[in-house]
């Protein structure tokens, strides 16, 4: 599985349908994947070079993790007052419907490497 999609499994995973015996896949993941590049581009000047999503299907909410290279970049972006609203608008502009941004976290590769052995999976859990 490509590194950039590791956490996509949370949204992309197959979940049992409540109405039938068959399993269905959450199609909202494709819209989030398409919006990833837009989010990175929108926050590139602040050092964002990675976006991860944490979700719990079939719930309609998602946590968006913006990844920066350094702790300094992370700290500067973490204090932006309307960050959640900005991310929500960018997702709406990318036609991501049926998803609510529950929150936005900012993490740096420096911290992930230092505190989580380089594992973004462990960092976002």
PDB file of N, CA and C in Angstrom:
ATOM      1  N   UNK A   1       0.850  -1.168   0.000  1.00  0.00           N
ATOM      2  CA  UNK A   1       0.000   0.000   0.000  1.00  0.00           C
ATOM      3  C   UNK A   1       0.902   1.239   0.000  1.00  0.00           C
ATOM      4  N   UNK A   2       0.681   2.203  -0.880  1.00  0.00           N
ATOM      5  CA  UNK A   2       1.520   3.403  -0.917  1.00  0.00           C
ATOM      6  C   UNK A   2       1.458   4.159   0.408  1.00  0.00           C
ATOM      7  N   UNK A   3       2.569   4.761   0.775  1.00  0.00           N
ATOM      8  CA  UNK A   3       2.686   5.471   2.047  1.00  0.00           C
ATOM      9  C   UNK A   3       1.589   6.530   2.219  1.00  0.00           C
ATOM     10  N   UNK A   4       1.284   7.282   1.156  1.00  0.00           N
ATOM     11  CA  UNK A   4       0.326   8.375   1.289  1.00  0.00           C
ATOM     12  C   UNK A   4      -1.099   7.893   1.547  1.00  0.00           C
ATOM     13  N   UNK A   5      -1.378   6.601   1.338  1.00  0.00           N
ATOM     14  CA  UNK A   5      -2.736   6.111   1.518  1.00  0.00           C
ATOM     15  C   UNK A   5      -2.886   5.285   2.778  1.00  0.00           C
ATOM     16  N   UNK A   6      -1.855   5.172   3.573  1.00  0.00           N
ATOM     17  CA  UNK A   6      -1.876   4.287   4.734  1.00  0.00           C
ATOM     18  C   UNK A   6      -3.105   4.509   5.598  1.00  0.00           C
ATOM     19  N   UNK A   7      -3.460   5.758   5.871  1.00  0.00           N
ATOM     20  CA  UNK A   7      -4.578   6.018   6.763  1.00  0.00           C
ATOM     21  C   UNK A   7      -5.896   6.032   6.018  1.00  0.00           C
ATOM     22  N   UNK A   8      -5.816   6.031   4.700  1.00  0.00           N
ATOM     23  CA  UNK A   8      -7.025   5.954   3.903  1.00  0.00           C
ATOM     24  C   UNK A   8      -7.793   4.679   4.177  1.00  0.00           C
ATOM     25  N   UNK A   9      -7.115   3.679   4.633  1.00  0.00           N
ATOM     26  CA  UNK A   9      -7.769   2.419   4.940  1.00  0.00           C
ATOM     27  C   UNK A   9      -8.904   2.634   5.925  1.00  0.00           C
ATOM     28  N   UNK A  10      -8.776   3.611   6.792  1.00  0.00           N
ATOM     29  CA  UNK A  10      -9.827   3.879   7.762  1.00  0.00           C
ATOM     30  C   UNK A  10     -11.129   4.292   7.084  1.00  0.00           C
ATOM     31  N   UNK A  11     -11.025   4.999   5.978  1.00  0.00           N
ATOM     32  CA  UNK A  11     -12.218   5.428   5.262  1.00  0.00           C
ATOM     33  C   UNK A  11     -12.559   4.465   4.137  1.00  0.00           C
ATOM     34  N   UNK A  12     -11.536   3.855   3.587  1.00  0.00           N
ATOM     35  CA  UNK A  12     -11.700   3.028   2.417  1.00  0.00           C
ATOM     36  C   UNK A  12     -12.111   1.601   2.777  1.00  0.00           C
ATOM     37  N   UNK A  13     -11.995   1.271   4.035  1.00  0.00           N
ATOM     38  CA  UNK A  13     -12.257  -0.104   4.439  1.00  0.00           C
ATOM     39  C   UNK A  13     -13.696  -0.508   4.130  1.00  0.00           C
ATOM     40  N   UNK A  14     -13.861  -1.762   3.953  1.00  0.00           N
ATOM     41  CA  UNK A  14     -15.185  -2.305   3.671  1.00  0.00           C
ATOM     42  C   UNK A  14     -15.913  -2.462   4.999  1.00  0.00           C
ATOM     43  N   UNK A  15     -17.125  -1.924   5.062  1.00  0.00           N
ATOM     44  CA  UNK A  15     -17.905  -1.997   6.291  1.00  0.00           C
ATOM     45  C   UNK A  15     -19.221  -2.706   6.008  1.00  0.00           C
ATOM     46  N   UNK A  16     -19.726  -3.476   6.951  1.00  0.00           N
ATOM     47  CA  UNK A  16     -20.998  -4.164   6.727  1.00  0.00           C
ATOM     48  C   UNK A  16     -22.147  -3.167   6.578  1.00  0.00           C
ATOM     49  N   UNK A  17     -23.013  -3.434   5.649  1.00  0.00           N
ATOM     50  CA  UNK A  17     -24.212  -2.625   5.473  1.00  0.00           C
ATOM     51  C   UNK A  17     -25.197  -2.965   6.576  1.00  0.00           C
ATOM     52  N   UNK A  18     -25.884  -1.965   7.089  1.00  0.00           N
ATOM     53  CA  UNK A  18     -26.861  -2.205   8.149  1.00  0.00           C
ATOM     54  C   UNK A  18     -28.158  -2.794   7.591  1.00  0.00           C
ATOM     55  N   UNK A  19     -28.404  -2.600   6.306  1.00  0.00           N
ATOM     56  CA  UNK A  19     -29.669  -3.017   5.721  1.00  0.00           C
ATOM     57  C   UNK A  19     -29.611  -4.379   5.052  1.00  0.00           C
ATOM     58  N   UNK A  20     -28.450  -4.769   4.638  1.00  0.00           N
ATOM     59  CA  UNK A  20     -28.337  -6.006   3.881  1.00  0.00           C
ATOM     60  C   UNK A  20     -27.176  -6.838   4.405  1.00  0.00           C
ATOM     61  N   UNK A  21     -27.056  -8.021   3.878  1.00  0.00           N
ATOM     62  CA  UNK A  21     -26.016  -8.938   4.282  1.00  0.00           C
ATOM     63  C   UNK A  21     -24.705  -8.689   3.541  1.00  0.00           C
ATOM     64  N   UNK A  22     -24.743  -7.871   2.498  1.00  0.00           N
ATOM     65  CA  UNK A  22     -23.537  -7.631   1.704  1.00  0.00           C
ATOM     66  C   UNK A  22     -22.697  -6.508   2.317  1.00  0.00           C
ATOM     67  N   UNK A  23     -21.478  -6.349   1.817  1.00  0.00           N
ATOM     68  CA  UNK A  23     -20.608  -5.294   2.302  1.00  0.00           C
ATOM     69  C   UNK A  23     -20.506  -4.199   1.242  1.00  0.00           C
ATOM     70  N   UNK A  24     -20.337  -2.960   1.714  1.00  0.00           N
ATOM     71  CA  UNK A  24     -20.225  -1.826   0.806  1.00  0.00           C
ATOM     72  C   UNK A  24     -18.974  -1.035   1.153  1.00  0.00           C
ATOM     73  N   UNK A  25     -18.457  -0.303   0.191  1.00  0.00           N
ATOM     74  CA  UNK A  25     -17.279   0.524   0.397  1.00  0.00           C
ATOM     75  C   UNK A  25     -17.726   1.988   0.466  1.00  0.00           C
ATOM     76  N   UNK A  26     -17.093   2.773   1.319  1.00  0.00           N
ATOM     77  CA  UNK A  26     -17.444   4.182   1.475  1.00  0.00           C
ATOM     78  C   UNK A  26     -16.846   4.980   0.320  1.00  0.00           C
ATOM     79  N   UNK A  27     -17.693   5.424  -0.581  1.00  0.00           N
ATOM     80  CA  UNK A  27     -17.236   6.106  -1.788  1.00  0.00           C
ATOM     81  C   UNK A  27     -16.748   7.533  -1.536  1.00  0.00           C
ATOM     82  N   UNK A  28     -16.986   8.049  -0.334  1.00  0.00           N
ATOM     83  CA  UNK A  28     -16.510   9.402  -0.028  1.00  0.00           C
ATOM     84  C   UNK A  28     -14.995   9.473  -0.038  1.00  0.00           C
ATOM     85  N   UNK A  29     -14.348   8.333   0.135  1.00  0.00           N
ATOM     86  CA  UNK A  29     -12.882   8.325   0.167  1.00  0.00           C
ATOM     87  C   UNK A  29     -12.284   8.902  -1.109  1.00  0.00           C
ATOM     88  N   UNK A  30     -12.861   8.597  -2.257  1.00  0.00           N
ATOM     89  CA  UNK A  30     -12.330   9.106  -3.523  1.00  0.00           C
ATOM     90  C   UNK A  30     -12.315  10.633  -3.548  1.00  0.00           C
ATOM     91  N   UNK A  31     -13.351  11.246  -2.999  1.00  0.00           N
ATOM     92  CA  UNK A  31     -13.409  12.707  -2.968  1.00  0.00           C
ATOM     93  C   UNK A  31     -12.338  13.283  -2.041  1.00  0.00           C
ATOM     94  N   UNK A  32     -12.140  12.625  -0.909  1.00  0.00           N
ATOM     95  CA  UNK A  32     -11.096  13.081   0.007  1.00  0.00           C
ATOM     96  C   UNK A  32      -9.716  12.927  -0.627  1.00  0.00           C
ATOM     97  N   UNK A  33      -9.496  11.811  -1.291  1.00  0.00           N
ATOM     98  CA  UNK A  33      -8.209  11.593  -1.965  1.00  0.00           C
ATOM     99  C   UNK A  33      -7.958  12.690  -2.996  1.00  0.00           C
ATOM    100  N   UNK A  34      -8.988  13.029  -3.766  1.00  0.00           N
ATOM    101  CA  UNK A  34      -8.850  14.063  -4.787  1.00  0.00           C
ATOM    102  C   UNK A  34      -8.549  15.422  -4.162  1.00  0.00           C
ATOM    103  N   UNK A  35      -9.055  15.672  -2.969  1.00  0.00           N
ATOM    104  CA  UNK A  35      -8.849  16.957  -2.296  1.00  0.00           C
ATOM    105  C   UNK A  35      -7.485  17.063  -1.633  1.00  0.00           C
ATOM    106  N   UNK A  36      -6.783  15.956  -1.457  1.00  0.00           N
ATOM    107  CA  UNK A  36      -5.484  15.941  -0.772  1.00  0.00           C
ATOM    108  C   UNK A  36      -4.504  16.939  -1.400  1.00  0.00           C
ATOM    109  N   UNK A  37      -4.375  16.919  -2.718  1.00  0.00           N
ATOM    110  CA  UNK A  37      -3.436  17.818  -3.401  1.00  0.00           C
ATOM    111  C   UNK A  37      -3.822  19.278  -3.200  1.00  0.00           C
ATOM    112  N   UNK A  38      -5.128  19.562  -3.188  1.00  0.00           N
ATOM    113  CA  UNK A  38      -5.589  20.942  -2.968  1.00  0.00           C
ATOM    114  C   UNK A  38      -5.215  21.431  -1.572  1.00  0.00           C
ATOM    115  N   UNK A  39      -5.368  20.574  -0.581  1.00  0.00           N
ATOM    116  CA  UNK A  39      -5.015  20.954   0.791  1.00  0.00           C
ATOM    117  C   UNK A  39      -3.516  21.202   0.922  1.00  0.00           C
ATOM    118  N   UNK A  40      -2.722  20.330   0.330  1.00  0.00           N
ATOM    119  CA  UNK A  40      -1.266  20.514   0.385  1.00  0.00           C
ATOM    120  C   UNK A  40      -0.879  21.813  -0.295  1.00  0.00           C
ATOM    121  N   UNK A  41      -1.450  22.081  -1.466  1.00  0.00           N
ATOM    122  CA  UNK A  41      -1.136  23.313  -2.192  1.00  0.00           C
ATOM    123  C   UNK A  41      -1.559  24.551  -1.406  1.00  0.00           C
ATOM    124  N   UNK A  42      -2.718  24.487  -0.770  1.00  0.00           N
ATOM    125  CA  UNK A  42      -3.234  25.645  -0.035  1.00  0.00           C
ATOM    126  C   UNK A  42      -2.364  26.010   1.159  1.00  0.00           C
ATOM    127  N   UNK A  43      -1.727  25.012   1.766  1.00  0.00           N
ATOM    128  CA  UNK A  43      -0.921  25.266   2.954  1.00  0.00           C
ATOM    129  C   UNK A  43       0.578  25.032   2.726  1.00  0.00           C
ATOM    130  N   UNK A  44       0.980  24.941   1.479  1.00  0.00           N
ATOM    131  CA  UNK A  44       2.396  24.689   1.165  1.00  0.00           C
ATOM    132  C   UNK A  44       3.306  25.801   1.693  1.00  0.00           C
ATOM    133  N   UNK A  45       2.851  27.040   1.631  1.00  0.00           N
ATOM    134  CA  UNK A  45       3.673  28.159   2.116  1.00  0.00           C
ATOM    135  C   UNK A  45       3.939  28.054   3.618  1.00  0.00           C
ATOM    136  N   UNK A  46       3.066  27.334   4.334  1.00  0.00           N
ATOM    137  CA  UNK A  46       3.246  27.131   5.770  1.00  0.00           C
ATOM    138  C   UNK A  46       4.033  25.847   6.060  1.00  0.00           C
ATOM    139  N   UNK A  47       4.479  25.164   5.006  1.00  0.00           N
ATOM    140  CA  UNK A  47       5.301  23.978   5.188  1.00  0.00           C
ATOM    141  C   UNK A  47       4.568  22.651   5.122  1.00  0.00           C
ATOM    142  N   UNK A  48       3.276  22.661   4.783  1.00  0.00           N
ATOM    143  CA  UNK A  48       2.518  21.415   4.713  1.00  0.00           C
ATOM    144  C   UNK A  48       2.948  20.633   3.472  1.00  0.00           C
ATOM    145  N   UNK A  49       3.335  19.389   3.696  1.00  0.00           N
ATOM    146  CA  UNK A  49       3.735  18.524   2.592  1.00  0.00           C
ATOM    147  C   UNK A  49       3.061  17.153   2.671  1.00  0.00           C
ATOM    148  N   UNK A  50       2.106  17.032   3.597  1.00  0.00           N
ATOM    149  CA  UNK A  50       1.435  15.749   3.794  1.00  0.00           C
ATOM    150  C   UNK A  50       0.055  16.005   4.390  1.00  0.00           C
ATOM    151  N   UNK A  51      -0.940  15.216   3.960  1.00  0.00           N
ATOM    152  CA  UNK A  51      -2.289  15.272   4.527  1.00  0.00           C
ATOM    153  C   UNK A  51      -2.725  13.840   4.785  1.00  0.00           C
ATOM    154  N   UNK A  52      -3.228  13.600   5.980  1.00  0.00           N
ATOM    155  CA  UNK A  52      -3.769  12.292   6.341  1.00  0.00           C
ATOM    156  C   UNK A  52      -5.185  12.502   6.873  1.00  0.00           C
ATOM    157  N   UNK A  53      -6.016  11.489   6.724  1.00  0.00           N
ATOM    158  CA  UNK A  53      -7.390  11.538   7.210  1.00  0.00           C
ATOM    159  C   UNK A  53      -7.602  10.426   8.225  1.00  0.00           C
ATOM    160  N   UNK A  54      -8.341  10.740   9.267  1.00  0.00           N
ATOM    161  CA  UNK A  54      -8.747   9.729  10.242  1.00  0.00           C
ATOM    162  C   UNK A  54     -10.259   9.815  10.341  1.00  0.00           C
ATOM    163  N   UNK A  55     -10.910   8.678  10.110  1.00  0.00           N
ATOM    164  CA  UNK A  55     -12.368   8.652  10.086  1.00  0.00           C
ATOM    165  C   UNK A  55     -12.871   7.335  10.648  1.00  0.00           C
ATOM    166  N   UNK A  56     -14.161   7.297  10.906  1.00  0.00           N
ATOM    167  CA  UNK A  56     -14.789   6.093  11.432  1.00  0.00           C
ATOM    168  C   UNK A  56     -16.091   5.851  10.684  1.00  0.00           C
ATOM    169  N   UNK A  57     -16.006   5.201   9.522  1.00  0.00           N
ATOM    170  CA  UNK A  57     -17.233   4.953   8.770  1.00  0.00           C
ATOM    171  C   UNK A  57     -18.210   4.117   9.580  1.00  0.00           C
ATOM    172  N   UNK A  58     -19.476   4.310   9.452  1.00  0.00           N
ATOM    173  CA  UNK A  58     -20.134   5.149   8.441  1.00  0.00           C
ATOM    174  C   UNK A  58     -20.366   6.585   8.913  1.00  0.00           C
ATOM    175  N   UNK A  59     -19.775   6.980  10.032  1.00  0.00           N
ATOM    176  CA  UNK A  59     -19.928   8.365  10.491  1.00  0.00           C
ATOM    177  C   UNK A  59     -19.479   9.338   9.409  1.00  0.00           C
ATOM    178  N   UNK A  60     -20.056  10.518   9.405  1.00  0.00           N
ATOM    179  CA  UNK A  60     -19.774  11.500   8.358  1.00  0.00           C
ATOM    180  C   UNK A  60     -18.650  12.459   8.730  1.00  0.00           C
ATOM    181  N   UNK A  61     -17.955  12.217   9.827  1.00  0.00           N
ATOM    182  CA  UNK A  61     -16.916  13.160  10.227  1.00  0.00           C
ATOM    183  C   UNK A  61     -15.542  12.613   9.872  1.00  0.00           C
ATOM    184  N   UNK A  62     -14.603  13.541   9.759  1.00  0.00           N
ATOM    185  CA  UNK A  62     -13.214  13.187   9.480  1.00  0.00           C
ATOM    186  C   UNK A  62     -12.302  14.161  10.221  1.00  0.00           C
ATOM    187  N   UNK A  63     -11.226  13.646  10.757  1.00  0.00           N
ATOM    188  CA  UNK A  63     -10.157  14.483  11.290  1.00  0.00           C
ATOM    189  C   UNK A  63      -9.130  14.615  10.192  1.00  0.00           C
ATOM    190  N   UNK A  64      -8.667  15.823   9.963  1.00  0.00           N
ATOM    191  CA  UNK A  64      -7.662  16.076   8.932  1.00  0.00           C
ATOM    192  C   UNK A  64      -6.350  16.398   9.632  1.00  0.00           C
ATOM    193  N   UNK A  65      -5.311  15.666   9.265  1.00  0.00           N
ATOM    194  CA  UNK A  65      -3.968  15.885   9.807  1.00  0.00           C
ATOM    195  C   UNK A  65      -3.123  16.530   8.721  1.00  0.00           C
ATOM    196  N   UNK A  66      -2.590  17.707   9.024  1.00  0.00           N
ATOM    197  CA  UNK A  66      -1.680  18.392   8.114  1.00  0.00           C
ATOM    198  C   UNK A  66      -0.257  18.124   8.596  1.00  0.00           C
ATOM    199  N   UNK A  67       0.575  17.619   7.714  1.00  0.00           N
ATOM    200  CA  UNK A  67       1.947  17.292   8.088  1.00  0.00           C
ATOM    201  C   UNK A  67       2.934  18.309   7.561  1.00  0.00           C
ATOM    202  N   UNK A  68       3.805  18.771   8.440  1.00  0.00           N
ATOM    203  CA  UNK A  68       4.868  19.703   8.063  1.00  0.00           C
ATOM    204  C   UNK A  68       6.215  19.016   8.243  1.00  0.00           C
ATOM    205  N   UNK A  69       7.265  19.653   7.748  1.00  0.00           N
ATOM    206  CA  UNK A  69       8.588  19.088   7.891  1.00  0.00           C
ATOM    207  C   UNK A  69       9.191  19.310   9.266  1.00  0.00           C
ATOM    208  N   UNK A  70       8.946  20.490   9.834  1.00  0.00           N
ATOM    209  CA  UNK A  70       9.625  20.850  11.079  1.00  0.00           C
ATOM    210  C   UNK A  70       8.646  21.185  12.196  1.00  0.00           C
ATOM    211  N   UNK A  71       9.148  21.102  13.418  1.00  0.00           N
ATOM    212  CA  UNK A  71       8.352  21.492  14.587  1.00  0.00           C
ATOM    213  C   UNK A  71       7.999  22.975  14.530  1.00  0.00           C
ATOM    214  N   UNK A  72       8.920  23.785  14.056  1.00  0.00           N
ATOM    215  CA  UNK A  72       8.687  25.230  13.963  1.00  0.00           C
ATOM    216  C   UNK A  72       7.502  25.517  13.035  1.00  0.00           C
ATOM    217  N   UNK A  73       7.454  24.857  11.882  1.00  0.00           N
ATOM    218  CA  UNK A  73       6.329  25.029  10.956  1.00  0.00           C
ATOM    219  C   UNK A  73       5.032  24.549  11.595  1.00  0.00           C
ATOM    220  N   UNK A  74       5.094  23.409  12.276  1.00  0.00           N
ATOM    221  CA  UNK A  74       3.914  22.860  12.960  1.00  0.00           C
ATOM    222  C   UNK A  74       3.381  23.844  13.982  1.00  0.00           C
ATOM    223  N   UNK A  75       4.263  24.388  14.800  1.00  0.00           N
ATOM    224  CA  UNK A  75       3.845  25.312  15.853  1.00  0.00           C
ATOM    225  C   UNK A  75       3.212  26.573  15.282  1.00  0.00           C
ATOM    226  N   UNK A  76       3.760  27.087  14.196  1.00  0.00           N
ATOM    227  CA  UNK A  76       3.215  28.297  13.576  1.00  0.00           C
ATOM    228  C   UNK A  76       1.815  28.035  13.002  1.00  0.00           C
ATOM    229  N   UNK A  77       1.626  26.901  12.374  1.00  0.00           N
ATOM    230  CA  UNK A  77       0.335  26.587  11.766  1.00  0.00           C
ATOM    231  C   UNK A  77      -0.699  26.196  12.817  1.00  0.00           C
ATOM    232  N   UNK A  78      -0.259  25.634  13.919  1.00  0.00           N
ATOM    233  CA  UNK A  78      -1.180  25.179  14.972  1.00  0.00           C
ATOM    234  C   UNK A  78      -1.962  26.314  15.620  1.00  0.00           C
ATOM    235  N   UNK A  79      -1.461  27.532  15.554  1.00  0.00           N
ATOM    236  CA  UNK A  79      -2.132  28.649  16.215  1.00  0.00           C
ATOM    237  C   UNK A  79      -3.060  29.437  15.292  1.00  0.00           C
ATOM    238  N   UNK A  80      -3.201  28.996  14.044  1.00  0.00           N
ATOM    239  CA  UNK A  80      -4.127  29.657  13.119  1.00  0.00           C
ATOM    240  C   UNK A  80      -5.541  29.449  13.652  1.00  0.00           C
ATOM    241  N   UNK A  81      -6.237  30.530  13.910  1.00  0.00           N
ATOM    242  CA  UNK A  81      -7.522  30.493  14.595  1.00  0.00           C
ATOM    243  C   UNK A  81      -8.597  29.743  13.818  1.00  0.00           C
ATOM    244  N   UNK A  82      -8.714  29.988  12.544  1.00  0.00           N
ATOM    245  CA  UNK A  82      -9.816  29.400  11.767  1.00  0.00           C
ATOM    246  C   UNK A  82      -9.350  28.248  10.867  1.00  0.00           C
ATOM    247  N   UNK A  83      -8.368  27.500  11.304  1.00  0.00           N
ATOM    248  CA  UNK A  83      -7.803  26.427  10.488  1.00  0.00           C
ATOM    249  C   UNK A  83      -8.857  25.389  10.099  1.00  0.00           C
ATOM    250  N   UNK A  84      -9.681  24.987  11.046  1.00  0.00           N
ATOM    251  CA  UNK A  84     -10.732  24.003  10.755  1.00  0.00           C
ATOM    252  C   UNK A  84     -11.698  24.531   9.697  1.00  0.00           C
ATOM    253  N   UNK A  85     -12.091  25.788   9.815  1.00  0.00           N
ATOM    254  CA  UNK A  85     -13.000  26.389   8.834  1.00  0.00           C
ATOM    255  C   UNK A  85     -12.335  26.475   7.458  1.00  0.00           C
ATOM    256  N   UNK A  86     -11.054  26.824   7.427  1.00  0.00           N
ATOM    257  CA  UNK A  86     -10.335  26.892   6.151  1.00  0.00           C
ATOM    258  C   UNK A  86     -10.302  25.523   5.471  1.00  0.00           C
ATOM    259  N   UNK A  87      -9.976  24.502   6.243  1.00  0.00           N
ATOM    260  CA  UNK A  87      -9.928  23.145   5.688  1.00  0.00           C
ATOM    261  C   UNK A  87     -11.314  22.723   5.209  1.00  0.00           C
ATOM    262  N   UNK A  88     -12.344  23.033   5.973  1.00  0.00           N
ATOM    263  CA  UNK A  88     -13.709  22.710   5.570  1.00  0.00           C
ATOM    264  C   UNK A  88     -14.095  23.375   4.261  1.00  0.00           C
ATOM    265  N   UNK A  89     -13.723  24.646   4.109  1.00  0.00           N
ATOM    266  CA  UNK A  89     -14.023  25.356   2.859  1.00  0.00           C
ATOM    267  C   UNK A  89     -13.281  24.732   1.670  1.00  0.00           C
ATOM    268  N   UNK A  90     -12.025  24.361   1.890  1.00  0.00           N
ATOM    269  CA  UNK A  90     -11.246  23.751   0.810  1.00  0.00           C
ATOM    270  C   UNK A  90     -11.839  22.404   0.395  1.00  0.00           C
ATOM    271  N   UNK A  91     -12.308  21.636   1.358  1.00  0.00           N
ATOM    272  CA  UNK A  91     -12.946  20.358   1.025  1.00  0.00           C
ATOM    273  C   UNK A  91     -14.262  20.597   0.281  1.00  0.00           C
ATOM    274  N   UNK A  92     -15.020  21.593   0.719  1.00  0.00           N
ATOM    275  CA  UNK A  92     -16.275  21.918   0.024  1.00  0.00           C
ATOM    276  C   UNK A  92     -15.995  22.383  -1.405  1.00  0.00           C
ATOM    277  N   UNK A  93     -14.944  23.202  -1.573  1.00  0.00           N
ATOM    278  CA  UNK A  93     -14.570  23.664  -2.914  1.00  0.00           C
ATOM    279  C   UNK A  93     -14.164  22.505  -3.818  1.00  0.00           C
ATOM    280  N   UNK A  94     -13.666  21.434  -3.218  1.00  0.00           N
ATOM    281  CA  UNK A  94     -13.252  20.250  -3.983  1.00  0.00           C
ATOM    282  C   UNK A  94     -14.403  19.254  -4.137  1.00  0.00           C
ATOM    283  N   UNK A  95     -15.619  19.692  -3.839  1.00  0.00           N
ATOM    284  CA  UNK A  95     -16.829  18.867  -3.974  1.00  0.00           C
ATOM    285  C   UNK A  95     -16.838  17.653  -3.060  1.00  0.00           C
ATOM    286  N   UNK A  96     -16.223  17.776  -1.898  1.00  0.00           N
ATOM    287  CA  UNK A  96     -16.298  16.712  -0.901  1.00  0.00           C
ATOM    288  C   UNK A  96     -17.585  16.949  -0.122  1.00  0.00           C
ATOM    289  N   UNK A  97     -18.576  16.098  -0.383  1.00  0.00           N
ATOM    290  CA  UNK A  97     -19.887  16.254   0.246  1.00  0.00           C
ATOM    291  C   UNK A  97     -20.145  15.094   1.183  1.00  0.00           C
ATOM    292  N   UNK A  98     -20.962  15.340   2.194  1.00  0.00           N
ATOM    293  CA  UNK A  98     -21.302  14.285   3.130  1.00  0.00           C
ATOM    294  C   UNK A  98     -20.224  14.032   4.166  1.00  0.00           C
ATOM    295  N   UNK A  99     -19.311  14.974   4.297  1.00  0.00           N
ATOM    296  CA  UNK A  99     -18.203  14.866   5.249  1.00  0.00           C
ATOM    297  C   UNK A  99     -18.177  16.120   6.104  1.00  0.00           C
ATOM    298  N   UNK A 100     -18.034  15.954   7.396  1.00  0.00           N
ATOM    299  CA  UNK A 100     -17.872  17.085   8.304  1.00  0.00           C
ATOM    300  C   UNK A 100     -16.465  17.028   8.887  1.00  0.00           C
ATOM    301  N   UNK A 101     -15.775  18.151   8.859  1.00  0.00           N
ATOM    302  CA  UNK A 101     -14.445  18.217   9.445  1.00  0.00           C
ATOM    303  C   UNK A 101     -14.610  18.359  10.952  1.00  0.00           C
ATOM    304  N   UNK A 102     -14.321  17.282  11.661  1.00  0.00           N
ATOM    305  CA  UNK A 102     -14.448  17.285  13.117  1.00  0.00           C
ATOM    306  C   UNK A 102     -13.324  18.078  13.760  1.00  0.00           C
ATOM    307  N   UNK A 103     -12.181  18.085  13.116  1.00  0.00           N
ATOM    308  CA  UNK A 103     -11.048  18.815  13.650  1.00  0.00           C
ATOM    309  C   UNK A 103      -9.846  18.718  12.730  1.00  0.00           C
ATOM    310  N   UNK A 104      -8.874  19.557  13.005  1.00  0.00           N
ATOM    311  CA  UNK A 104      -7.630  19.569  12.238  1.00  0.00           C
ATOM    312  C   UNK A 104      -6.482  19.513  13.221  1.00  0.00           C
ATOM    313  N   UNK A 105      -5.568  18.617  12.981  1.00  0.00           N
ATOM    314  CA  UNK A 105      -4.351  18.513  13.788  1.00  0.00           C
ATOM    315  C   UNK A 105      -3.173  18.792  12.873  1.00  0.00           C
ATOM    316  N   UNK A 106      -2.128  19.372  13.441  1.00  0.00           N
ATOM    317  CA  UNK A 106      -0.907  19.623  12.688  1.00  0.00           C
ATOM    318  C   UNK A 106       0.210  18.858  13.387  1.00  0.00           C
ATOM    319  N   UNK A 107       0.972  18.121  12.602  1.00  0.00           N
ATOM    320  CA  UNK A 107       2.081  17.348  13.147  1.00  0.00           C
ATOM    321  C   UNK A 107       3.276  17.498  12.222  1.00  0.00           C
ATOM    322  N   UNK A 108       4.469  17.408  12.791  1.00  0.00           N
ATOM    323  CA  UNK A 108       5.682  17.557  11.990  1.00  0.00           C
ATOM    324  C   UNK A 108       6.388  16.219  11.815  1.00  0.00           C
ATOM    325  N   UNK A 109       7.096  16.105  10.709  1.00  0.00           N
ATOM    326  CA  UNK A 109       7.904  14.912  10.459  1.00  0.00           C
ATOM    327  C   UNK A 109       8.991  14.790  11.527  1.00  0.00           C
ATOM    328  N   UNK A 110       9.496  15.919  12.011  1.00  0.00           N
ATOM    329  CA  UNK A 110      10.501  15.873  13.084  1.00  0.00           C
ATOM    330  C   UNK A 110       9.954  15.140  14.308  1.00  0.00           C
ATOM    331  N   UNK A 111       8.752  15.499  14.724  1.00  0.00           N
ATOM    332  CA  UNK A 111       8.150  14.852  15.896  1.00  0.00           C
ATOM    333  C   UNK A 111       7.820  13.390  15.622  1.00  0.00           C
ATOM    334  N   UNK A 112       7.289  13.114  14.449  1.00  0.00           N
ATOM    335  CA  UNK A 112       6.953  11.732  14.111  1.00  0.00           C
ATOM    336  C   UNK A 112       8.217  10.867  14.119  1.00  0.00           C
ATOM    337  N   UNK A 113       9.285  11.383  13.561  1.00  0.00           N
ATOM    338  CA  UNK A 113      10.538  10.627  13.553  1.00  0.00           C
ATOM    339  C   UNK A 113      11.098  10.447  14.957  1.00  0.00           C
ATOM    340  N   UNK A 114      11.048  11.506  15.747  1.00  0.00           N
ATOM    341  CA  UNK A 114      11.623  11.481  17.088  1.00  0.00           C
ATOM    342  C   UNK A 114      10.784  10.665  18.072  1.00  0.00           C
ATOM    343  N   UNK A 115       9.464  10.888  18.072  1.00  0.00           N
ATOM    344  CA  UNK A 115       8.607  10.302  19.108  1.00  0.00           C
ATOM    345  C   UNK A 115       7.874   9.027  18.689  1.00  0.00           C
ATOM    346  N   UNK A 116       7.757   8.795  17.385  1.00  0.00           N
ATOM    347  CA  UNK A 116       6.981   7.649  16.906  1.00  0.00           C
ATOM    348  C   UNK A 116       7.779   6.749  15.968  1.00  0.00           C
ATOM    349  N   UNK A 117       9.089   6.883  15.998  1.00  0.00           N
ATOM    350  CA  UNK A 117       9.930   6.029  15.154  1.00  0.00           C
ATOM    351  C   UNK A 117       9.649   6.169  13.675  1.00  0.00           C
ATOM    352  N   UNK A 118       9.159   7.346  13.256  1.00  0.00           N
ATOM    353  CA  UNK A 118       8.870   7.594  11.856  1.00  0.00           C
ATOM    354  C   UNK A 118       7.508   7.085  11.396  1.00  0.00           C
ATOM    355  N   UNK A 119       6.702   6.562  12.302  1.00  0.00           N
ATOM    356  CA  UNK A 119       5.412   5.970  11.933  1.00  0.00           C
ATOM    357  C   UNK A 119       4.275   6.979  12.072  1.00  0.00           C
ATOM    358  N   UNK A 120       3.765   7.437  10.927  1.00  0.00           N
ATOM    359  CA  UNK A 120       2.614   8.336  10.948  1.00  0.00           C
ATOM    360  C   UNK A 120       1.384   7.596  11.466  1.00  0.00           C
ATOM    361  N   UNK A 121       1.326   6.302  11.231  1.00  0.00           N
ATOM    362  CA  UNK A 121       0.209   5.509  11.734  1.00  0.00           C
ATOM    363  C   UNK A 121       0.106   5.632  13.245  1.00  0.00           C
ATOM    364  N   UNK A 122       1.228   5.451  13.943  1.00  0.00           N
ATOM    365  CA  UNK A 122       1.222   5.569  15.408  1.00  0.00           C
ATOM    366  C   UNK A 122       0.996   7.007  15.855  1.00  0.00           C
ATOM    367  N   UNK A 123       1.460   7.962  15.087  1.00  0.00           N
ATOM    368  CA  UNK A 123       1.303   9.373  15.466  1.00  0.00           C
ATOM    369  C   UNK A 123      -0.150   9.809  15.458  1.00  0.00           C
ATOM    370  N   UNK A 124      -0.956   9.315  14.534  1.00  0.00           N
ATOM    371  CA  UNK A 124      -2.337   9.795  14.421  1.00  0.00           C
ATOM    372  C   UNK A 124      -3.343   8.948  15.217  1.00  0.00           C
ATOM    373  N   UNK A 125      -2.905   7.868  15.807  1.00  0.00           N
ATOM    374  CA  UNK A 125      -3.845   7.037  16.558  1.00  0.00           C
ATOM    375  C   UNK A 125      -4.145   7.607  17.911  1.00  0.00           C
TER     376      UNK A 125
END
